[in-house]
C-alpha atoms as a PDB file:
ATOM      1  CA  UNK A   1     -16.451 -17.758 -23.400  1.00  0.00           C
ATOM      2  CA  UNK A   2     -13.930 -20.576 -23.441  1.00  0.00           C
ATOM      3  CA  UNK A   3     -12.519 -21.874 -20.176  1.00  0.00           C
ATOM      4  CA  UNK A   4     -11.590 -25.532 -19.986  1.00  0.00           C
ATOM      5  CA  UNK A   5     -11.422 -25.429 -16.167  1.00  0.00           C
ATOM      6  CA  UNK A   6     -14.996 -24.166 -15.923  1.00  0.00           C
ATOM      7  CA  UNK A   7     -16.190 -26.708 -18.492  1.00  0.00           C
ATOM      8  CA  UNK A   8     -14.552 -29.488 -16.488  1.00  0.00           C
ATOM      9  CA  UNK A   9     -15.080 -28.374 -12.875  1.00  0.00           C
ATOM     10  CA  UNK A  10     -17.940 -25.864 -13.052  1.00  0.00           C
ATOM     11  CA  UNK A  11     -18.622 -22.294 -11.937  1.00  0.00           C
ATOM     12  CA  UNK A  12     -20.574 -21.396  -8.813  1.00  0.00           C
ATOM     13  CA  UNK A  13     -22.455 -18.112  -8.519  1.00  0.00           C
ATOM     14  CA  UNK A  14     -23.229 -17.277  -4.895  1.00  0.00           C
ATOM     15  CA  UNK A  15     -26.030 -14.722  -5.082  1.00  0.00           C
ATOM     16  CA  UNK A  16     -27.805 -13.730  -8.268  1.00  0.00           C
ATOM     17  CA  UNK A  17     -29.286 -10.284  -7.831  1.00  0.00           C
ATOM     18  CA  UNK A  18     -28.904  -7.499 -10.386  1.00  0.00           C
ATOM     19  CA  UNK A  19     -25.133  -7.726 -10.696  1.00  0.00           C
ATOM     20  CA  UNK A  20     -25.011 -11.516 -10.582  1.00  0.00           C
ATOM     21  CA  UNK A  21     -27.782 -11.757 -13.175  1.00  0.00           C
ATOM     22  CA  UNK A  22     -26.015  -9.279 -15.466  1.00  0.00           C
ATOM     23  CA  UNK A  23     -22.843 -11.334 -15.305  1.00  0.00           C
ATOM     24  CA  UNK A  24     -24.614 -14.643 -15.819  1.00  0.00           C
ATOM     25  CA  UNK A  25     -26.452 -13.240 -18.843  1.00  0.00           C
ATOM     26  CA  UNK A  26     -23.121 -12.092 -20.274  1.00  0.00           C
ATOM     27  CA  UNK A  27     -21.502 -15.498 -19.769  1.00  0.00           C
ATOM     28  CA  UNK A  28     -24.411 -17.377 -21.338  1.00  0.00           C
ATOM     29  CA  UNK A  29     -24.471 -14.988 -24.292  1.00  0.00           C
ATOM     30  CA  UNK A  30     -20.755 -15.619 -24.807  1.00  0.00           C
ATOM     31  CA  UNK A  31     -21.321 -19.341 -24.996  1.00  0.00           C
ATOM     32  CA  UNK A  32     -20.813 -20.633 -21.457  1.00  0.00           C
ATOM     33  CA  UNK A  33     -22.984 -23.772 -21.160  1.00  0.00           C
ATOM     34  CA  UNK A  34     -25.727 -23.429 -18.557  1.00  0.00           C
ATOM     35  CA  UNK A  35     -24.893 -26.951 -17.419  1.00  0.00           C
ATOM     36  CA  UNK A  36     -21.488 -25.676 -16.230  1.00  0.00           C
ATOM     37  CA  UNK A  37     -23.061 -23.151 -13.823  1.00  0.00           C
ATOM     38  CA  UNK A  38     -24.384 -23.699 -10.296  1.00  0.00           C
ATOM     39  CA  UNK A  39     -26.321 -20.852  -8.649  1.00  0.00           C
ATOM     40  CA  UNK A  40     -27.182 -20.403  -4.986  1.00  0.00           C
ATOM     41  CA  UNK A  41     -29.838 -17.747  -4.444  1.00  0.00           C
ATOM     42  CA  UNK A  42     -32.605 -17.678  -1.811  1.00  0.00           C
ATOM     43  CA  UNK A  43     -35.088 -15.816  -4.032  1.00  0.00           C
ATOM     44  CA  UNK A  44     -34.367 -16.712  -7.667  1.00  0.00           C
ATOM     45  CA  UNK A  45     -36.024 -14.575 -10.328  1.00  0.00           C
ATOM     46  CA  UNK A  46     -38.243 -16.021 -13.043  1.00  0.00           C
ATOM     47  CA  UNK A  47     -35.479 -15.246 -15.540  1.00  0.00           C
ATOM     48  CA  UNK A  48     -32.913 -17.189 -13.521  1.00  0.00           C
ATOM     49  CA  UNK A  49     -35.224 -20.194 -13.230  1.00  0.00           C
ATOM     50  CA  UNK A  50     -35.490 -20.280 -17.007  1.00  0.00           C
ATOM     51  CA  UNK A  51     -31.762 -20.257 -17.773  1.00  0.00           C
ATOM     52  CA  UNK A  52     -31.144 -23.976 -17.317  1.00  0.00           C
ATOM     53  CA  UNK A  53     -28.397 -23.554 -14.722  1.00  0.00           C
ATOM     54  CA  UNK A  54     -28.190 -25.811 -11.659  1.00  0.00           C
ATOM     55  CA  UNK A  55     -30.268 -23.791  -9.199  1.00  0.00           C
ATOM     56  CA  UNK A  56     -30.015 -24.336  -5.438  1.00  0.00           C
ATOM     57  CA  UNK A  57     -28.770 -27.898  -5.846  1.00  0.00           C
ATOM     58  CA  UNK A  58     -25.709 -29.644  -4.446  1.00  0.00           C
ATOM     59  CA  UNK A  59     -22.517 -27.874  -5.532  1.00  0.00           C
ATOM     60  CA  UNK A  60     -19.431 -29.451  -7.088  1.00  0.00           C
ATOM     61  CA  UNK A  61     -16.783 -30.223  -4.490  1.00  0.00           C
ATOM     62  CA  UNK A  62     -14.031 -28.173  -6.125  1.00  0.00           C
ATOM     63  CA  UNK A  63     -15.400 -25.825  -8.804  1.00  0.00           C
ATOM     64  CA  UNK A  64     -13.023 -23.854 -10.978  1.00  0.00           C
ATOM     65  CA  UNK A  65     -14.434 -20.497  -9.844  1.00  0.00           C
ATOM     66  CA  UNK A  66     -16.845 -19.241  -7.209  1.00  0.00           C
ATOM     67  CA  UNK A  67     -18.161 -15.766  -7.943  1.00  0.00           C
ATOM     68  CA  UNK A  68     -19.459 -14.179  -4.741  1.00  0.00           C
ATOM     69  CA  UNK A  69     -22.210 -11.664  -5.470  1.00  0.00           C
ATOM     70  CA  UNK A  70     -24.200 -11.632  -2.236  1.00  0.00           C
ATOM     71  CA  UNK A  71     -24.975  -8.417  -0.397  1.00  0.00           C
ATOM     72  CA  UNK A  72     -22.247  -7.454   2.109  1.00  0.00           C
ATOM     73  CA  UNK A  73     -24.602  -7.895   5.078  1.00  0.00           C
ATOM     74  CA  UNK A  74     -25.237 -11.519   4.002  1.00  0.00           C
ATOM     75  CA  UNK A  75     -21.561 -12.373   3.593  1.00  0.00           C
ATOM     76  CA  UNK A  76     -20.892 -13.610   7.138  1.00  0.00           C
ATOM     77  CA  UNK A  77     -23.659 -16.194   6.837  1.00  0.00           C
ATOM     78  CA  UNK A  78     -23.187 -17.207   3.198  1.00  0.00           C
ATOM     79  CA  UNK A  79     -19.427 -17.550   2.804  1.00  0.00           C
ATOM     80  CA  UNK A  80     -18.747 -20.072   5.602  1.00  0.00           C
ATOM     81  CA  UNK A  81     -21.013 -22.562   3.797  1.00  0.00           C
ATOM     82  CA  UNK A  82     -18.275 -22.829   1.149  1.00  0.00           C
ATOM     83  CA  UNK A  83     -15.373 -23.254   3.580  1.00  0.00           C
ATOM     84  CA  UNK A  84     -14.649 -26.768   2.299  1.00  0.00           C
ATOM     85  CA  UNK A  85     -13.624 -25.251  -1.042  1.00  0.00           C
ATOM     86  CA  UNK A  86     -10.941 -23.080   0.558  1.00  0.00           C
ATOM     87  CA  UNK A  87      -7.181 -23.624   0.484  1.00  0.00           C
ATOM     88  CA  UNK A  88      -7.474 -25.430  -2.839  1.00  0.00           C
ATOM     89  CA  UNK A  89      -7.581 -24.778  -6.558  1.00  0.00           C
ATOM     90  CA  UNK A  90     -10.965 -23.010  -6.514  1.00  0.00           C
ATOM     91  CA  UNK A  91     -10.634 -19.309  -7.340  1.00  0.00           C
ATOM     92  CA  UNK A  92     -12.965 -17.032  -5.365  1.00  0.00           C
ATOM     93  CA  UNK A  93     -13.931 -13.832  -7.195  1.00  0.00           C
ATOM     94  CA  UNK A  94     -15.848 -11.333  -5.058  1.00  0.00           C
ATOM     95  CA  UNK A  95     -17.925  -8.418  -6.339  1.00  0.00           C
ATOM     96  CA  UNK A  96     -19.267  -7.688  -2.848  1.00  0.00           C
ATOM     97  CA  UNK A  97     -18.588  -4.116  -1.770  1.00  0.00           C
ATOM     98  CA  UNK A  98     -16.846  -3.447   1.517  1.00  0.00           C
ATOM     99  CA  UNK A  99     -15.502  -6.982   1.998  1.00  0.00           C
ATOM    100  CA  UNK A 100     -11.692  -7.119   1.985  1.00  0.00           C
ATOM    101  CA  UNK A 101      -9.594 -10.036   0.765  1.00  0.00           C
ATOM    102  CA  UNK A 102      -8.507 -10.675   4.362  1.00  0.00           C
ATOM    103  CA  UNK A 103     -12.082 -11.670   5.282  1.00  0.00           C
ATOM    104  CA  UNK A 104     -12.036 -14.385   2.625  1.00  0.00           C
ATOM    105  CA  UNK A 105      -8.655 -15.616   3.810  1.00  0.00           C
ATOM    106  CA  UNK A 106      -9.841 -15.731   7.418  1.00  0.00           C
ATOM    107  CA  UNK A 107     -13.063 -17.535   6.507  1.00  0.00           C
ATOM    108  CA  UNK A 108     -11.820 -19.910   3.812  1.00  0.00           C
ATOM    109  CA  UNK A 109      -8.131 -20.304   4.624  1.00  0.00           C
ATOM    110  CA  UNK A 110      -4.987 -18.262   4.046  1.00  0.00           C
ATOM    111  CA  UNK A 111      -4.022 -20.199   0.902  1.00  0.00           C
ATOM    112  CA  UNK A 112      -7.354 -19.619  -0.857  1.00  0.00           C
ATOM    113  CA  UNK A 113      -6.969 -17.850  -4.228  1.00  0.00           C
ATOM    114  CA  UNK A 114      -9.055 -14.665  -4.005  1.00  0.00           C
ATOM    115  CA  UNK A 115      -9.680 -11.852  -6.471  1.00  0.00           C
ATOM    116  CA  UNK A 116     -11.625  -8.811  -5.302  1.00  0.00           C
ATOM    117  CA  UNK A 117     -13.533  -6.935  -7.979  1.00  0.00           C
ATOM    118  CA  UNK A 118     -15.439  -3.649  -8.125  1.00  0.00           C
ATOM    119  CA  UNK A 119     -17.860  -3.516 -11.077  1.00  0.00           C
ATOM    120  CA  UNK A 120     -20.488  -0.856 -11.760  1.00  0.00           C
ATOM    121  CA  UNK A 121     -24.133  -0.893 -12.797  1.00  0.00           C
ATOM    122  CA  UNK A 122     -23.648  -0.363 -16.565  1.00  0.00           C
ATOM    123  CA  UNK A 123     -22.519  -3.998 -16.435  1.00  0.00           C
ATOM    124  CA  UNK A 124     -26.250  -4.722 -16.793  1.00  0.00           C
ATOM    125  CA  UNK A 125     -25.963  -3.714 -20.467  1.00  0.00           C
ATOM    126  CA  UNK A 126     -22.385  -5.014 -20.898  1.00  0.00           C
ATOM    127  CA  UNK A 127     -21.042  -1.458 -20.750  1.00  0.00           C
ATOM    128  CA  UNK A 128     -19.511  -1.637 -17.286  1.00  0.00           C
ATOM    129  CA  UNK A 129     -15.966  -1.366 -16.055  1.00  0.00           C
ATOM    130  CA  UNK A 130     -14.521  -3.558 -13.312  1.00  0.00           C
ATOM    131  CA  UNK A 131     -11.327  -3.115 -11.316  1.00  0.00           C
ATOM    132  CA  UNK A 132      -9.651  -6.242  -9.927  1.00  0.00           C
ATOM    133  CA  UNK A 133      -6.913  -7.087  -7.454  1.00  0.00           C
ATOM    134  CA  UNK A 134      -5.839 -10.490  -6.180  1.00  0.00           C
ATOM    135  CA  UNK A 135      -3.975 -12.045  -3.270  1.00  0.00           C
ATOM    136  CA  UNK A 136      -0.733 -13.956  -3.552  1.00  0.00           C
ATOM    137  CA  UNK A 137      -2.507 -17.311  -3.821  1.00  0.00           C
ATOM    138  CA  UNK A 138      -4.455 -16.102  -6.868  1.00  0.00           C
ATOM    139  CA  UNK A 139      -1.349 -14.852  -8.651  1.00  0.00           C
ATOM    140  CA  UNK A 140      -1.223 -13.864 -12.301  1.00  0.00           C
ATOM    141  CA  UNK A 141      -3.176 -16.937 -13.409  1.00  0.00           C
ATOM    142  CA  UNK A 142      -6.058 -16.092 -11.086  1.00  0.00           C
ATOM    143  CA  UNK A 143      -6.183 -12.507 -12.308  1.00  0.00           C
ATOM    144  CA  UNK A 144      -6.226 -13.754 -15.898  1.00  0.00           C
ATOM    145  CA  UNK A 145      -9.176 -16.049 -15.143  1.00  0.00           C
ATOM    146  CA  UNK A 146     -11.054 -13.302 -13.339  1.00  0.00           C
ATOM    147  CA  UNK A 147     -10.480 -10.869 -16.192  1.00  0.00           C
ATOM    148  CA  UNK A 148     -11.883 -13.297 -18.753  1.00  0.00           C
ATOM    149  CA  UNK A 149     -14.927 -13.856 -16.539  1.00  0.00           C
ATOM    150  CA  UNK A 150     -15.595 -10.186 -15.819  1.00  0.00           C
ATOM    151  CA  UNK A 151     -14.943  -8.952 -19.351  1.00  0.00           C
ATOM    152  CA  UNK A 152     -18.312 -10.490 -20.217  1.00  0.00           C
ATOM    153  CA  UNK A 153     -19.915  -7.316 -18.825  1.00  0.00           C
ATOM    154  CA  UNK A 154     -17.430  -4.637 -19.924  1.00  0.00           C
ATOM    155  CA  UNK A 155     -13.871  -3.444 -19.516  1.00  0.00           C
ATOM    156  CA  UNK A 156     -11.487  -4.691 -16.819  1.00  0.00           C
ATOM    157  CA  UNK A 157      -8.567  -2.850 -15.206  1.00  0.00           C
ATOM    158  CA  UNK A 158      -6.017  -4.245 -12.736  1.00  0.00           C
ATOM    159  CA  UNK A 159      -5.133  -2.381  -9.559  1.00  0.00           C
ATOM    160  CA  UNK A 160      -1.659  -2.204  -8.044  1.00  0.00           C
ATOM    161  CA  UNK A 161      -2.941  -2.893  -4.522  1.00  0.00           C
ATOM    162  CA  UNK A 162      -6.186  -3.437  -2.634  1.00  0.00           C
ATOM    163  CA  UNK A 163      -6.075   0.024  -1.031  1.00  0.00           C
ATOM    164  CA  UNK A 164      -6.958   1.500  -4.428  1.00  0.00           C
ATOM    165  CA  UNK A 165     -10.361  -0.216  -4.356  1.00  0.00           C
ATOM    166  CA  UNK A 166     -11.811   2.646  -2.280  1.00  0.00           C
ATOM    167  CA  UNK A 167     -10.875   5.191  -4.956  1.00  0.00           C
ATOM    168  CA  UNK A 168     -12.319   2.910  -7.641  1.00  0.00           C
ATOM    169  CA  UNK A 169     -15.536   2.640  -5.641  1.00  0.00           C
ATOM    170  CA  UNK A 170     -15.735   6.431  -5.479  1.00  0.00           C
ATOM    171  CA  UNK A 171     -14.962   7.012  -9.170  1.00  0.00           C
ATOM    172  CA  UNK A 172     -16.529   4.199 -11.195  1.00  0.00           C
ATOM    173  CA  UNK A 173     -18.511   2.210  -8.650  1.00  0.00           C
ATOM    174  CA  UNK A 174     -20.570   5.186  -7.459  1.00  0.00           C
ATOM    175  CA  UNK A 175     -19.871   7.263 -10.572  1.00  0.00           C
ATOM    176  CA  UNK A 176     -22.974   6.275 -12.581  1.00  0.00           C
ATOM    177  CA  UNK A 177     -25.125   7.913  -9.909  1.00  0.00           C
ATOM    178  CA  UNK A 178     -23.200  11.161 -10.382  1.00  0.00           C
ATOM    179  CA  UNK A 179     -23.915  11.055 -14.109  1.00  0.00           C
ATOM    180  CA  UNK A 180     -27.580  10.232 -13.572  1.00  0.00           C
ATOM    181  CA  UNK A 181     -27.829  13.231 -11.238  1.00  0.00           C
ATOM    182  CA  UNK A 182     -26.164  15.393 -13.869  1.00  0.00           C
ATOM    183  CA  UNK A 183     -28.862  14.347 -16.339  1.00  0.00           C
ATOM    184  CA  UNK A 184     -31.510  15.267 -13.768  1.00  0.00           C
ATOM    185  CA  UNK A 185     -30.037  18.692 -13.042  1.00  0.00           C
ATOM    186  CA  UNK A 186     -29.291  19.498 -16.694  1.00  0.00           C
ATOM    187  CA  UNK A 187     -32.908  18.714 -17.568  1.00  0.00           C
ATOM    188  CA  UNK A 188     -34.182  20.804 -14.650  1.00  0.00           C
ATOM    189  CA  UNK A 189     -32.035  23.736 -15.813  1.00  0.00           C
ATOM    190  CA  UNK A 190     -33.571  23.381 -19.271  1.00  0.00           C
ATOM    191  CA  UNK A 191     -37.043  23.599 -17.751  1.00  0.00           C
ATOM    192  CA  UNK A 192     -35.953  26.789 -15.971  1.00  0.00           C
ATOM    193  CA  UNK A 193     -35.128  28.221 -19.392  1.00  0.00           C
ATOM    194  CA  UNK A 194     -38.561  27.459 -20.797  1.00  0.00           C
ATOM    195  CA  UNK A 195     -38.363  23.914 -22.194  1.00  0.00           C
ATOM    196  CA  UNK A 196     -41.116  21.342 -21.556  1.00  0.00           C
ATOM    197  CA  UNK A 197     -39.975  18.817 -18.945  1.00  0.00           C
ATOM    198  CA  UNK A 198     -40.150  15.776 -21.235  1.00  0.00           C
ATOM    199  CA  UNK A 199     -38.196  17.532 -23.974  1.00  0.00           C
ATOM    200  CA  UNK A 200     -35.581  18.820 -21.536  1.00  0.00           C
ATOM    201  CA  UNK A 201     -35.069  15.290 -20.200  1.00  0.00           C
ATOM    202  CA  UNK A 202     -34.785  13.858 -23.709  1.00  0.00           C
ATOM    203  CA  UNK A 203     -32.186  16.479 -24.626  1.00  0.00           C
ATOM    204  CA  UNK A 204     -30.205  15.991 -21.424  1.00  0.00           C
ATOM    205  CA  UNK A 205     -30.231  12.188 -21.588  1.00  0.00           C
ATOM    206  CA  UNK A 206     -29.156  12.073 -25.238  1.00  0.00           C
ATOM    207  CA  UNK A 207     -26.505  14.750 -24.719  1.00  0.00           C
ATOM    208  CA  UNK A 208     -24.834  12.931 -21.845  1.00  0.00           C
ATOM    209  CA  UNK A 209     -25.048   9.550 -23.598  1.00  0.00           C
ATOM    210  CA  UNK A 210     -23.682  10.976 -26.857  1.00  0.00           C
ATOM    211  CA  UNK A 211     -20.865  12.868 -25.158  1.00  0.00           C
ATOM    212  CA  UNK A 212     -19.877   9.732 -23.267  1.00  0.00           C
ATOM    213  CA  UNK A 213     -19.829   7.679 -26.459  1.00  0.00           C
ATOM    214  CA  UNK A 214     -17.742  10.345 -28.196  1.00  0.00           C
ATOM    215  CA  UNK A 215     -15.288  10.429 -25.280  1.00  0.00           C
ATOM    216  CA  UNK A 216     -14.875   6.654 -25.576  1.00  0.00           C
ATOM    217  CA  UNK A 217     -14.417   6.594 -29.353  1.00  0.00           C
ATOM    218  CA  UNK A 218     -12.506   9.791 -30.096  1.00  0.00           C
ATOM    219  CA  UNK A 219      -8.741   9.792 -30.325  1.00  0.00           C
ATOM    220  CA  UNK A 220      -8.522  12.962 -28.230  1.00  0.00           C
ATOM    221  CA  UNK A 221      -8.684  13.257 -24.452  1.00  0.00           C
ATOM    222  CA  UNK A 222     -11.752  14.825 -22.760  1.00  0.00           C
ATOM    223  CA  UNK A 223      -9.945  18.125 -22.204  1.00  0.00           C
ATOM    224  CA  UNK A 224      -9.319  18.523 -25.929  1.00  0.00           C
ATOM    225  CA  UNK A 225     -12.874  17.482 -26.769  1.00  0.00           C
ATOM    226  CA  UNK A 226     -14.090  20.230 -24.429  1.00  0.00           C
ATOM    227  CA  UNK A 227     -11.856  22.768 -26.153  1.00  0.00           C
ATOM    228  CA  UNK A 228     -13.128  21.636 -29.557  1.00  0.00           C
ATOM    229  CA  UNK A 229     -16.706  22.666 -28.734  1.00  0.00           C
ATOM    230  CA  UNK A 230     -15.826  25.890 -26.900  1.00  0.00           C
ATOM    231  CA  UNK A 231     -15.808  28.929 -29.162  1.00  0.00           C
ATOM    232  CA  UNK A 232     -14.093  32.032 -27.709  1.00  0.00           C
ATOM    233  CA  UNK A 233     -16.643  34.278 -26.017  1.00  0.00           C
ATOM    234  CA  UNK A 234     -19.421  31.902 -27.053  1.00  0.00           C
ATOM    235  CA  UNK A 235     -22.260  30.224 -25.181  1.00  0.00           C
ATOM    236  CA  UNK A 236     -20.231  27.193 -24.060  1.00  0.00           C
ATOM    237  CA  UNK A 237     -17.478  29.384 -22.657  1.00  0.00           C
ATOM    238  CA  UNK A 238     -20.045  31.366 -20.694  1.00  0.00           C
ATOM    239  CA  UNK A 239     -21.294  28.168 -19.069  1.00  0.00           C
ATOM    240  CA  UNK A 240     -17.824  26.713 -18.485  1.00  0.00           C
ATOM    241  CA  UNK A 241     -16.650  29.818 -16.676  1.00  0.00           C
ATOM    242  CA  UNK A 242     -19.173  28.830 -13.993  1.00  0.00           C
ATOM    243  CA  UNK A 243     -18.738  25.057 -14.138  1.00  0.00           C
ATOM    244  CA  UNK A 244     -14.913  25.219 -14.077  1.00  0.00           C
ATOM    245  CA  UNK A 245     -14.675  27.621 -11.135  1.00  0.00           C
ATOM    246  CA  UNK A 246     -12.088  26.304  -8.649  1.00  0.00           C
ATOM    247  CA  UNK A 247     -14.129  27.598  -5.729  1.00  0.00           C
ATOM    248  CA  UNK A 248     -17.666  26.322  -6.384  1.00  0.00           C
ATOM    249  CA  UNK A 249     -17.563  24.629  -9.800  1.00  0.00           C
ATOM    250  CA  UNK A 250     -17.087  21.034 -10.935  1.00  0.00           C
ATOM    251  CA  UNK A 251     -13.401  20.704  -9.947  1.00  0.00           C
ATOM    252  CA  UNK A 252     -13.936  21.486  -6.255  1.00  0.00           C
ATOM    253  CA  UNK A 253     -17.343  19.802  -6.067  1.00  0.00           C
ATOM    254  CA  UNK A 254     -16.194  16.564  -7.712  1.00  0.00           C
ATOM    255  CA  UNK A 255     -13.093  16.309  -5.537  1.00  0.00           C
ATOM    256  CA  UNK A 256     -15.265  16.667  -2.436  1.00  0.00           C
ATOM    257  CA  UNK A 257     -17.832  14.159  -3.687  1.00  0.00           C
ATOM    258  CA  UNK A 258     -15.274  11.496  -4.663  1.00  0.00           C
ATOM    259  CA  UNK A 259     -13.380  11.976  -1.386  1.00  0.00           C
ATOM    260  CA  UNK A 260     -16.613  11.517   0.585  1.00  0.00           C
ATOM    261  CA  UNK A 261     -17.424   8.296  -1.266  1.00  0.00           C
ATOM    262  CA  UNK A 262     -13.878   6.965  -0.822  1.00  0.00           C
ATOM    263  CA  UNK A 263     -13.926   7.779   2.887  1.00  0.00           C
ATOM    264  CA  UNK A 264     -17.233   5.962   3.303  1.00  0.00           C
ATOM    265  CA  UNK A 265     -15.860   2.954   1.415  1.00  0.00           C
ATOM    266  CA  UNK A 266     -12.927   2.791   3.843  1.00  0.00           C
ATOM    267  CA  UNK A 267     -15.321   2.968   6.798  1.00  0.00           C
ATOM    268  CA  UNK A 268     -17.402   0.091   5.444  1.00  0.00           C
ATOM    269  CA  UNK A 269     -14.312  -2.044   4.801  1.00  0.00           C
ATOM    270  CA  UNK A 270     -13.147  -1.493   8.357  1.00  0.00           C
ATOM    271  CA  UNK A 271     -16.465  -2.643   9.726  1.00  0.00           C
END
């Protein structure tokens, strides 16, 4: 991962839990020198202590990028400690849920370049997707820097405005949990039909993983892929007639679920 600004001025990671560790591992794998990284974390893992980064030491005065990965409830205590870096050239990239750009501007200064990002947990295996949006001070250059940084753990998409972050949270941020629950319920349904529990789980897990990989790699959209495996009056059609019901099937259920998650995201952002 080449970035002359980071090599010269350094990168600060504020918080290194699961998401921060996944990102740091991605950067190091892509060639970012450990000597260019400073980490602040109150309870560093054994893995983090073995990476060779500057851990809980004095920070550079004006690093190229500060990636904020602390828990939202810790933000009000942690962020003010970096106030001296505000209103300058340091780009702040936040992956903290529920913390709007305005909070960073109020805490660090209105001219602080800020990019807000919403990643998801598959970032831990570099298969995540992150949505980003920046303030005026960040501009196109800041978004470019953030995209390079976050692409270490998966795909990156750019939002048109910060209000869209709640929908992203509901779709991709919370979405892995929906898929994990689908695996659970598909396996349980297999047990109901006479399969051993371990075999049903193996079948369900591999089916969902394989279908997801096919959806990513195929040249056809998911609707066409569904049609391709649905023979008229066959077994798949029998199941889809239930799953695709507009009253109690996937369409209505998923709309309600995503709306509930988006509404909760808005509540958290509003304090």
